[in-house]
Amino acid sequence: MISIEQIKELRDMTGISVMQCKKALEEASGDKEKALFLLRKKSGDIAAKKNDRVLGAGVIASYIHHGNTLGALVELSCETDFVARNEEFVALARDIAMHISAMNPEYISEDQITEESRAKVKGMFQKEVSESGKPADIQAKMMEGKLATYFAEKTLLLQPFVKNPDMTIKQLIYGGVQKFGEKIMVTRFVRFSVGK
């Protein structure tokens, strides 16, 4: 039997509805960590279902680091003004702006990476891979791995969230989709650093 305290604790941790928390705890036989995993998995499924919805509202959030030499602006879009005015949605946008300041991503998602950028980075790793002495098929896999790792570090949605490295920014946004019931997307961002 799942207790009200367990449900409340999971709800306080995630902000997700009481019913969803109860179902996750029941499915996980009361195991909080397993329930969190199930909720994260479900958030991706929910986000995928809302992918074709139209974004009509959102917020611009900022973060200025101590010392006023580093900062970021991010536009976090959603479907309605109701969600855009929600304090938790604004806090999510601020967290993403803080993350951008700290991690300096170049792209929002993988689809923004141009073939020209891929070719340039591939050129950087070409000598190292070709001098490995491995067979061609192994070299191709090495190159794929190096490119995937390099671009994961440069792509906002693939980066581990600075406040919780166990989740990516994409998973953080999917959690917001699950919490608010609307499509949420980082539309654009800019990072500023004094002297750069």
C-alpha atoms as a PDB file:
ATOM      1  CA  MET A   1       0.000   0.000   0.000  1.00  0.00           C
ATOM      2  CA  ILE A   2       1.368   3.399  -1.014  1.00  0.00           C
ATOM      3  CA  SER A   3       1.102   6.031   1.722  1.00  0.00           C
ATOM      4  CA  ILE A   4      -0.021   9.606   1.292  1.00  0.00           C
ATOM      5  CA  GLU A   5       3.381  10.712   2.635  1.00  0.00           C
ATOM      6  CA  GLN A   6       5.179   8.821  -0.149  1.00  0.00           C
ATOM      7  CA  ILE A   7       2.960  10.427  -2.788  1.00  0.00           C
ATOM      8  CA  LYS A   8       3.413  13.880  -1.241  1.00  0.00           C
ATOM      9  CA  GLU A   9       7.217  13.451  -1.102  1.00  0.00           C
ATOM     10  CA  LEU A  10       7.382  12.428  -4.781  1.00  0.00           C
ATOM     11  CA  ARG A  11       5.035  15.273  -5.754  1.00  0.00           C
ATOM     12  CA  ASP A  12       7.176  17.788  -3.842  1.00  0.00           C
ATOM     13  CA  MET A  13      10.298  16.472  -5.596  1.00  0.00           C
ATOM     14  CA  THR A  14       8.848  16.571  -9.109  1.00  0.00           C
ATOM     15  CA  GLY A  15       5.873  18.955  -9.140  1.00  0.00           C
ATOM     16  CA  ILE A  16       4.002  16.331 -11.162  1.00  0.00           C
ATOM     17  CA  SER A  17       0.325  15.618 -10.440  1.00  0.00           C
ATOM     18  CA  VAL A  18      -0.682  13.518  -7.440  1.00  0.00           C
ATOM     19  CA  MET A  19      -2.316  10.881  -9.670  1.00  0.00           C
ATOM     20  CA  GLN A  20       0.806  10.444 -11.815  1.00  0.00           C
ATOM     21  CA  CYS A  21       2.982  10.195  -8.693  1.00  0.00           C
ATOM     22  CA  LYS A  22       0.625   7.620  -7.160  1.00  0.00           C
ATOM     23  CA  LYS A  23       0.601   5.516 -10.347  1.00  0.00           C
ATOM     24  CA  ALA A  24       4.402   5.627 -10.606  1.00  0.00           C
ATOM     25  CA  LEU A  25       4.826   4.586  -6.958  1.00  0.00           C
ATOM     26  CA  GLU A  26       2.317   1.759  -7.375  1.00  0.00           C
ATOM     27  CA  GLU A  27       4.108   0.527 -10.504  1.00  0.00           C
ATOM     28  CA  ALA A  28       7.455   0.752  -8.662  1.00  0.00           C
ATOM     29  CA  SER A  29       6.083  -1.077  -5.587  1.00  0.00           C
ATOM     30  CA  GLY A  30       6.835   1.946  -3.409  1.00  0.00           C
ATOM     31  CA  ASP A  31      10.472   2.355  -4.557  1.00  0.00           C
ATOM     32  CA  LYS A  32      10.986   6.131  -4.852  1.00  0.00           C
ATOM     33  CA  GLU A  33      14.043   5.929  -7.143  1.00  0.00           C
ATOM     34  CA  LYS A  34      12.292   3.540  -9.517  1.00  0.00           C
ATOM     35  CA  ALA A  35       9.192   5.778  -9.492  1.00  0.00           C
ATOM     36  CA  LEU A  36      11.368   8.782 -10.433  1.00  0.00           C
ATOM     37  CA  PHE A  37      12.830   6.774 -13.312  1.00  0.00           C
ATOM     38  CA  LEU A  38       9.332   5.788 -14.490  1.00  0.00           C
ATOM     39  CA  LEU A  39       8.148   9.415 -14.335  1.00  0.00           C
ATOM     40  CA  ARG A  40      11.166  10.567 -16.400  1.00  0.00           C
ATOM     41  CA  LYS A  41      10.518   7.850 -18.966  1.00  0.00           C
ATOM     42  CA  LYS A  42       6.855   8.796 -19.160  1.00  0.00           C
ATOM     43  CA  SER A  43       7.722  12.493 -19.543  1.00  0.00           C
ATOM     44  CA  GLY A  44       9.533  11.727 -22.830  1.00  0.00           C
ATOM     45  CA  ASP A  45       6.473   9.869 -24.130  1.00  0.00           C
ATOM     46  CA  ILE A  46       4.181  12.741 -23.132  1.00  0.00           C
ATOM     47  CA  ALA A  47       6.480  15.296 -24.786  1.00  0.00           C
ATOM     48  CA  ALA A  48       6.516  13.270 -28.018  1.00  0.00           C
ATOM     49  CA  LYS A  49       2.703  13.306 -28.133  1.00  0.00           C
ATOM     50  CA  LYS A  50       2.661  17.111 -27.827  1.00  0.00           C
ATOM     51  CA  ASN A  51       5.394  17.680 -30.416  1.00  0.00           C
ATOM     52  CA  ASP A  52       3.074  18.933 -33.178  1.00  0.00           C
ATOM     53  CA  ARG A  53       1.365  21.576 -31.028  1.00  0.00           C
ATOM     54  CA  VAL A  54       1.775  25.289 -31.750  1.00  0.00           C
ATOM     55  CA  LEU A  55       3.860  27.466 -29.429  1.00  0.00           C
ATOM     56  CA  GLY A  56       2.067  30.756 -28.863  1.00  0.00           C
ATOM     57  CA  ALA A  57       3.495  32.094 -25.595  1.00  0.00           C
ATOM     58  CA  GLY A  58       6.590  31.963 -23.437  1.00  0.00           C
ATOM     59  CA  VAL A  59       9.084  33.963 -21.413  1.00  0.00           C
ATOM     60  CA  ILE A  60      12.500  35.495 -21.784  1.00  0.00           C
ATOM     61  CA  ALA A  61      14.637  34.727 -18.760  1.00  0.00           C
ATOM     62  CA  SER A  62      18.069  35.996 -17.834  1.00  0.00           C
ATOM     63  CA  TYR A  63      20.916  34.951 -15.626  1.00  0.00           C
ATOM     64  CA  ILE A  64      23.844  37.178 -14.663  1.00  0.00           C
ATOM     65  CA  HIS A  65      26.712  35.426 -12.878  1.00  0.00           C
ATOM     66  CA  HIS A  66      28.357  36.897  -9.778  1.00  0.00           C
ATOM     67  CA  GLY A  67      30.769  39.623 -10.756  1.00  0.00           C
ATOM     68  CA  ASN A  68      28.587  40.716 -13.685  1.00  0.00           C
ATOM     69  CA  THR A  69      31.012  39.429 -16.322  1.00  0.00           C
ATOM     70  CA  LEU A  70      28.949  36.505 -17.634  1.00  0.00           C
ATOM     71  CA  GLY A  71      25.274  36.084 -18.449  1.00  0.00           C
ATOM     72  CA  ALA A  72      22.656  34.590 -20.707  1.00  0.00           C
ATOM     73  CA  LEU A  73      19.191  35.226 -22.108  1.00  0.00           C
ATOM     74  CA  VAL A  74      16.900  32.359 -23.092  1.00  0.00           C
ATOM     75  CA  GLU A  75      13.498  32.281 -24.747  1.00  0.00           C
ATOM     76  CA  LEU A  76      11.454  29.377 -23.380  1.00  0.00           C
ATOM     77  CA  SER A  77       8.259  28.917 -25.365  1.00  0.00           C
ATOM     78  CA  CYS A  78       5.009  27.215 -24.406  1.00  0.00           C
ATOM     79  CA  GLU A  79       1.455  27.042 -25.737  1.00  0.00           C
ATOM     80  CA  THR A  80      -0.482  29.445 -23.476  1.00  0.00           C
ATOM     81  CA  ASP A  81      -0.042  32.607 -21.406  1.00  0.00           C
ATOM     82  CA  PHE A  82      -1.447  30.682 -18.447  1.00  0.00           C
ATOM     83  CA  VAL A  83       1.649  28.465 -18.324  1.00  0.00           C
ATOM     84  CA  ALA A  84       4.020  31.304 -19.309  1.00  0.00           C
ATOM     85  CA  ARG A  85       2.939  33.271 -16.214  1.00  0.00           C
ATOM     86  CA  ASN A  86       3.395  30.283 -13.900  1.00  0.00           C
ATOM     87  CA  GLU A  87       6.214  30.904 -11.394  1.00  0.00           C
ATOM     88  CA  GLU A  88       7.574  27.376 -11.839  1.00  0.00           C
ATOM     89  CA  PHE A  89       7.751  27.833 -15.615  1.00  0.00           C
ATOM     90  CA  VAL A  90       9.665  31.109 -15.167  1.00  0.00           C
ATOM     91  CA  ALA A  91      11.992  29.346 -12.684  1.00  0.00           C
ATOM     92  CA  LEU A  92      12.593  26.612 -15.286  1.00  0.00           C
ATOM     93  CA  ALA A  93      13.563  29.274 -17.832  1.00  0.00           C
ATOM     94  CA  ARG A  94      15.946  30.888 -15.319  1.00  0.00           C
ATOM     95  CA  ASP A  95      17.553  27.532 -14.568  1.00  0.00           C
ATOM     96  CA  ILE A  96      18.141  26.985 -18.276  1.00  0.00           C
ATOM     97  CA  ALA A  97      19.639  30.497 -18.601  1.00  0.00           C
ATOM     98  CA  MET A  98      21.973  29.729 -15.680  1.00  0.00           C
ATOM     99  CA  HIS A  99      22.940  26.439 -17.330  1.00  0.00           C
ATOM    100  CA  ILE A 100      23.710  28.252 -20.609  1.00  0.00           C
ATOM    101  CA  SER A 101      25.952  30.701 -18.739  1.00  0.00           C
ATOM    102  CA  ALA A 102      27.864  27.845 -17.130  1.00  0.00           C
ATOM    103  CA  MET A 103      28.116  25.396 -20.041  1.00  0.00           C
ATOM    104  CA  ASN A 104      28.305  27.684 -23.096  1.00  0.00           C
ATOM    105  CA  PRO A 105      26.407  25.523 -25.629  1.00  0.00           C
ATOM    106  CA  GLU A 106      26.599  26.418 -29.322  1.00  0.00           C
ATOM    107  CA  TYR A 107      23.436  24.669 -30.521  1.00  0.00           C
ATOM    108  CA  ILE A 108      19.977  24.097 -29.072  1.00  0.00           C
ATOM    109  CA  SER A 109      19.480  20.685 -30.663  1.00  0.00           C
ATOM    110  CA  GLU A 110      21.313  18.289 -32.961  1.00  0.00           C
ATOM    111  CA  ASP A 111      19.325  19.396 -36.010  1.00  0.00           C
ATOM    112  CA  GLN A 112      21.068  22.795 -35.850  1.00  0.00           C
ATOM    113  CA  ILE A 113      24.498  21.244 -36.465  1.00  0.00           C
ATOM    114  CA  THR A 114      25.432  21.912 -40.068  1.00  0.00           C
ATOM    115  CA  GLU A 115      27.267  19.507 -42.357  1.00  0.00           C
ATOM    116  CA  GLU A 116      30.003  22.146 -42.597  1.00  0.00           C
ATOM    117  CA  SER A 117      30.459  22.050 -38.792  1.00  0.00           C
ATOM    118  CA  ARG A 118      30.496  18.248 -38.799  1.00  0.00           C
ATOM    119  CA  ALA A 119      33.132  18.202 -41.553  1.00  0.00           C
ATOM    120  CA  LYS A 120      35.294  20.725 -39.693  1.00  0.00           C
ATOM    121  CA  VAL A 121      35.187  18.712 -36.454  1.00  0.00           C
ATOM    122  CA  LYS A 122      35.758  15.468 -38.358  1.00  0.00           C
ATOM    123  CA  GLY A 123      38.910  17.067 -39.772  1.00  0.00           C
ATOM    124  CA  MET A 124      40.109  17.803 -36.235  1.00  0.00           C
ATOM    125  CA  PHE A 125      39.876  14.117 -35.285  1.00  0.00           C
ATOM    126  CA  GLN A 126      40.908  12.601 -38.630  1.00  0.00           C
ATOM    127  CA  LYS A 127      44.640  12.385 -37.935  1.00  0.00           C
ATOM    128  CA  GLU A 128      44.165  10.873 -34.467  1.00  0.00           C
ATOM    129  CA  VAL A 129      41.719   8.234 -35.761  1.00  0.00           C
ATOM    130  CA  SER A 130      43.717   7.348 -38.880  1.00  0.00           C
ATOM    131  CA  GLU A 131      46.956   6.965 -36.862  1.00  0.00           C
ATOM    132  CA  SER A 132      45.267   4.539 -34.473  1.00  0.00           C
ATOM    133  CA  GLY A 133      46.210   1.642 -36.760  1.00  0.00           C
ATOM    134  CA  LYS A 134      42.764   0.097 -36.358  1.00  0.00           C
ATOM    135  CA  PRO A 135      40.798  -1.433 -39.258  1.00  0.00           C
ATOM    136  CA  ALA A 136      38.660   0.960 -41.326  1.00  0.00           C
ATOM    137  CA  ASP A 137      35.341  -0.168 -39.792  1.00  0.00           C
ATOM    138  CA  ILE A 138      36.718   0.382 -36.258  1.00  0.00           C
ATOM    139  CA  GLN A 139      38.076   3.784 -37.312  1.00  0.00           C
ATOM    140  CA  ALA A 140      34.609   4.726 -38.604  1.00  0.00           C
ATOM    141  CA  LYS A 141      33.071   3.770 -35.243  1.00  0.00           C
ATOM    142  CA  MET A 142      35.786   5.701 -33.389  1.00  0.00           C
ATOM    143  CA  MET A 143      35.018   8.775 -35.500  1.00  0.00           C
ATOM    144  CA  GLU A 144      31.273   8.417 -34.831  1.00  0.00           C
ATOM    145  CA  GLY A 145      31.961   8.221 -31.102  1.00  0.00           C
ATOM    146  CA  LYS A 146      34.274  11.224 -31.111  1.00  0.00           C
ATOM    147  CA  LEU A 147      31.766  13.310 -33.107  1.00  0.00           C
ATOM    148  CA  ALA A 148      28.877  12.264 -30.848  1.00  0.00           C
ATOM    149  CA  THR A 149      30.842  13.157 -27.707  1.00  0.00           C
ATOM    150  CA  TYR A 150      32.067  16.477 -29.107  1.00  0.00           C
ATOM    151  CA  PHE A 151      28.628  17.638 -30.248  1.00  0.00           C
ATOM    152  CA  ALA A 152      26.893  16.391 -27.066  1.00  0.00           C
ATOM    153  CA  GLU A 153      29.111  18.819 -25.145  1.00  0.00           C
ATOM    154  CA  LYS A 154      28.114  21.658 -27.502  1.00  0.00           C
ATOM    155  CA  THR A 155      24.363  20.934 -27.763  1.00  0.00           C
ATOM    156  CA  LEU A 156      22.113  22.395 -25.048  1.00  0.00           C
ATOM    157  CA  LEU A 157      19.485  19.636 -24.993  1.00  0.00           C
ATOM    158  CA  LEU A 158      22.133  16.902 -24.699  1.00  0.00           C
ATOM    159  CA  GLN A 159      24.143  18.514 -21.893  1.00  0.00           C
ATOM    160  CA  PRO A 160      23.797  17.238 -18.319  1.00  0.00           C
ATOM    161  CA  PHE A 161      21.925  19.855 -16.266  1.00  0.00           C
ATOM    162  CA  VAL A 162      24.378  21.727 -14.004  1.00  0.00           C
ATOM    163  CA  LYS A 163      22.085  21.509 -10.972  1.00  0.00           C
ATOM    164  CA  ASN A 164      21.431  17.786 -11.468  1.00  0.00           C
ATOM    165  CA  PRO A 165      23.929  15.990 -13.745  1.00  0.00           C
ATOM    166  CA  ASP A 166      21.752  12.846 -13.631  1.00  0.00           C
ATOM    167  CA  MET A 167      19.393  14.482 -16.133  1.00  0.00           C
ATOM    168  CA  THR A 168      19.923  16.291 -19.416  1.00  0.00           C
ATOM    169  CA  ILE A 169      18.352  19.619 -20.336  1.00  0.00           C
ATOM    170  CA  LYS A 170      16.046  17.661 -22.674  1.00  0.00           C
ATOM    171  CA  GLN A 171      14.861  15.537 -19.723  1.00  0.00           C
ATOM    172  CA  LEU A 172      14.416  18.698 -17.638  1.00  0.00           C
ATOM    173  CA  ILE A 173      12.197  20.174 -20.363  1.00  0.00           C
ATOM    174  CA  TYR A 174      10.294  16.883 -20.738  1.00  0.00           C
ATOM    175  CA  GLY A 175       9.612  17.041 -16.998  1.00  0.00           C
ATOM    176  CA  GLY A 176       8.180  20.526 -17.546  1.00  0.00           C
ATOM    177  CA  VAL A 177       5.976  19.224 -20.356  1.00  0.00           C
ATOM    178  CA  GLN A 178       4.677  16.546 -18.008  1.00  0.00           C
ATOM    179  CA  LYS A 179       4.166  19.044 -15.180  1.00  0.00           C
ATOM    180  CA  PHE A 180       2.467  21.824 -17.174  1.00  0.00           C
ATOM    181  CA  GLY A 181       0.688  19.695 -19.785  1.00  0.00           C
ATOM    182  CA  GLU A 182       1.947  21.767 -22.716  1.00  0.00           C
ATOM    183  CA  LYS A 183       4.665  21.618 -25.312  1.00  0.00           C
ATOM    184  CA  ILE A 184       7.748  23.474 -24.075  1.00  0.00           C
ATOM    185  CA  MET A 185      10.773  24.366 -26.161  1.00  0.00           C
ATOM    186  CA  VAL A 186      13.908  26.476 -25.956  1.00  0.00           C
ATOM    187  CA  THR A 187      13.418  28.703 -28.989  1.00  0.00           C
ATOM    188  CA  ARG A 188      16.670  30.656 -28.827  1.00  0.00           C
ATOM    189  CA  PHE A 189      19.389  31.792 -26.484  1.00  0.00           C
ATOM    190  CA  VAL A 190      22.404  34.057 -26.319  1.00  0.00           C
ATOM    191  CA  ARG A 191      25.333  34.005 -23.915  1.00  0.00           C
ATOM    192  CA  PHE A 192      27.439  37.051 -23.079  1.00  0.00           C
ATOM    193  CA  SER A 193      30.927  37.130 -21.613  1.00  0.00           C
ATOM    194  CA  VAL A 194      32.931  40.301 -21.017  1.00  0.00           C
ATOM    195  CA  GLY A 195      35.789  40.582 -23.509  1.00  0.00           C
ATOM    196  CA  LYS A 196      34.529  37.828 -25.845  1.00  0.00           C
END
